[in-house]
């Protein structure tokens, strides 16, 4: 096929950097089997979860390349999908446990034993 990495399952995920208690993340396209902070294919952005003095958490994204990798079949992790949804790059993903059938789930019935 025309994919540059035909046998790799790519994920868009966070790669941790920074110091102890001062996390900083790169958003990368990486092989799903590679270690979290290991080898990656391409750096796609950054995420600083520590708010600055104004309370803002900074995110930088290379939207063109992120869309390219998604078109090639790369799957974002839950956290990266949330960041991309906030930046309106992807539609918001449905929240876990809040599916359309949630109103149909019945609470467990009391089990009484017959003697």
Protein backbone atom coordinates (compact mmCIF):
# COMPACT_ATOMS: atom_id res chain seq x y z
CA UNK A 1 0.00 0.00 0.00
CA UNK A 2 0.99 3.66 -0.18
CA UNK A 3 1.47 4.07 3.55
CA UNK A 4 4.98 5.01 4.68
CA UNK A 5 4.88 2.49 7.56
CA UNK A 6 2.71 -0.39 6.31
CA UNK A 7 3.07 -2.75 9.29
CA UNK A 8 3.05 -0.28 12.17
CA UNK A 9 -0.05 0.54 14.18
CA UNK A 10 0.41 4.23 14.89
CA UNK A 11 -0.98 6.07 17.88
CA UNK A 12 -1.13 9.78 18.53
CA UNK A 13 -0.08 9.95 22.15
CA UNK A 14 1.68 11.96 24.83
CA UNK A 15 5.40 11.57 25.48
CA UNK A 16 6.45 12.83 28.91
CA UNK A 17 9.33 15.21 29.47
CA UNK A 18 10.23 17.78 32.08
CA UNK A 19 11.27 17.26 35.67
CA UNK A 20 9.75 15.62 38.72
CA UNK A 21 6.47 17.42 39.53
CA UNK A 22 6.94 19.60 36.43
CA UNK A 23 5.53 17.46 33.64
CA UNK A 24 5.66 18.57 30.03
CA UNK A 25 4.36 16.49 27.16
CA UNK A 26 5.04 16.22 23.46
CA UNK A 27 2.21 15.02 21.25
CA UNK A 28 3.76 12.43 18.93
CA UNK A 29 2.87 9.86 16.31
CA UNK A 30 4.46 6.63 17.55
CA UNK A 31 4.28 2.90 17.02
CA UNK A 32 1.79 1.48 19.51
CA UNK A 33 4.37 -1.05 20.71
CA UNK A 34 7.08 1.55 21.37
CA UNK A 35 7.68 2.68 24.98
CA UNK A 36 5.85 5.82 26.13
CA UNK A 37 8.97 7.99 26.09
CA UNK A 38 10.78 6.01 23.39
CA UNK A 39 11.08 6.14 19.65
CA UNK A 40 8.48 8.11 17.71
CA UNK A 41 7.78 8.84 14.05
CA UNK A 42 6.97 12.56 14.24
CA UNK A 43 6.47 15.29 16.85
CA UNK A 44 3.04 16.89 16.32
CA UNK A 45 2.72 19.35 19.19
CA UNK A 46 3.19 20.03 22.88
CA UNK A 47 1.02 20.12 26.00
CA UNK A 48 1.96 21.83 29.25
CA UNK A 49 -0.49 20.70 31.97
CA UNK A 50 0.91 23.19 34.50
CA UNK A 51 -1.06 26.43 34.28
CA UNK A 52 0.83 29.69 33.86
CA UNK A 53 0.21 32.77 36.04
CA UNK A 54 -3.04 33.43 34.20
CA UNK A 55 -4.26 29.86 34.78
CA UNK A 56 -3.82 28.82 31.14
CA UNK A 57 -2.53 25.38 30.14
CA UNK A 58 -0.67 25.77 26.85
CA UNK A 59 -1.14 23.43 23.87
CA UNK A 60 0.57 23.72 20.48
CA UNK A 61 -0.60 21.58 17.57
CA UNK A 62 0.55 20.98 14.02
CA UNK A 63 -3.03 20.51 12.78
CA UNK A 64 -2.06 19.76 9.17
CA UNK A 65 0.18 16.85 10.20
CA UNK A 66 -2.26 15.57 12.84
CA UNK A 67 -4.99 15.36 10.19
CA UNK A 68 -2.53 13.63 7.85
CA UNK A 69 -1.72 10.92 10.42
CA UNK A 70 -5.39 10.41 11.26
CA UNK A 71 -6.10 9.96 7.54
CA UNK A 72 -3.31 7.36 7.46
CA UNK A 73 -5.10 5.41 10.21
CA UNK A 74 -3.35 6.62 13.37
CA UNK A 75 -5.55 6.35 16.47
CA UNK A 76 -5.35 9.08 19.15
CA UNK A 77 -5.27 7.98 22.77
CA UNK A 78 -8.14 9.14 24.99
CA UNK A 79 -6.16 12.06 26.40
CA UNK A 80 -4.92 13.23 23.01
CA UNK A 81 -8.45 12.87 21.59
CA UNK A 82 -9.73 15.15 24.38
CA UNK A 83 -7.03 17.75 23.61
CA UNK A 84 -7.82 17.59 19.89
CA UNK A 85 -11.55 17.90 20.59
CA UNK A 86 -10.96 20.99 22.74
CA UNK A 87 -8.94 22.50 19.92
CA UNK A 88 -11.78 21.55 17.53
CA UNK A 89 -9.49 19.39 15.40
CA UNK A 90 -11.63 16.29 16.07
CA UNK A 91 -15.27 16.00 17.06
CA UNK A 92 -15.71 15.36 20.80
CA UNK A 93 -15.58 11.68 21.64
CA UNK A 94 -18.46 10.18 23.60
CA UNK A 95 -17.75 9.98 27.31
CA UNK A 96 -17.35 6.56 28.83
CA UNK A 97 -20.45 5.29 30.59
CA UNK A 98 -22.67 7.86 28.91
CA UNK A 99 -23.78 5.86 25.86
CA UNK A 100 -27.23 6.14 24.30
CA UNK A 101 -28.50 3.10 26.20
CA UNK A 102 -27.67 4.41 29.68
CA UNK A 103 -31.31 5.26 30.42
CA UNK A 104 -32.28 1.63 29.71
CA UNK A 105 -30.01 0.09 32.34
CA UNK A 106 -32.00 -1.07 35.32
CA UNK A 107 -30.58 -0.87 38.84
CA UNK A 108 -29.81 -4.27 40.37
CA UNK A 109 -32.80 -5.88 42.06
CA UNK A 110 -32.67 -6.92 45.68
CA UNK A 111 -31.95 -10.60 45.92
CA UNK A 112 -33.99 -12.25 48.58
CA UNK A 113 -33.55 -15.88 49.33
CA UNK A 114 -36.53 -18.08 49.87
CA UNK A 115 -36.32 -20.32 52.90
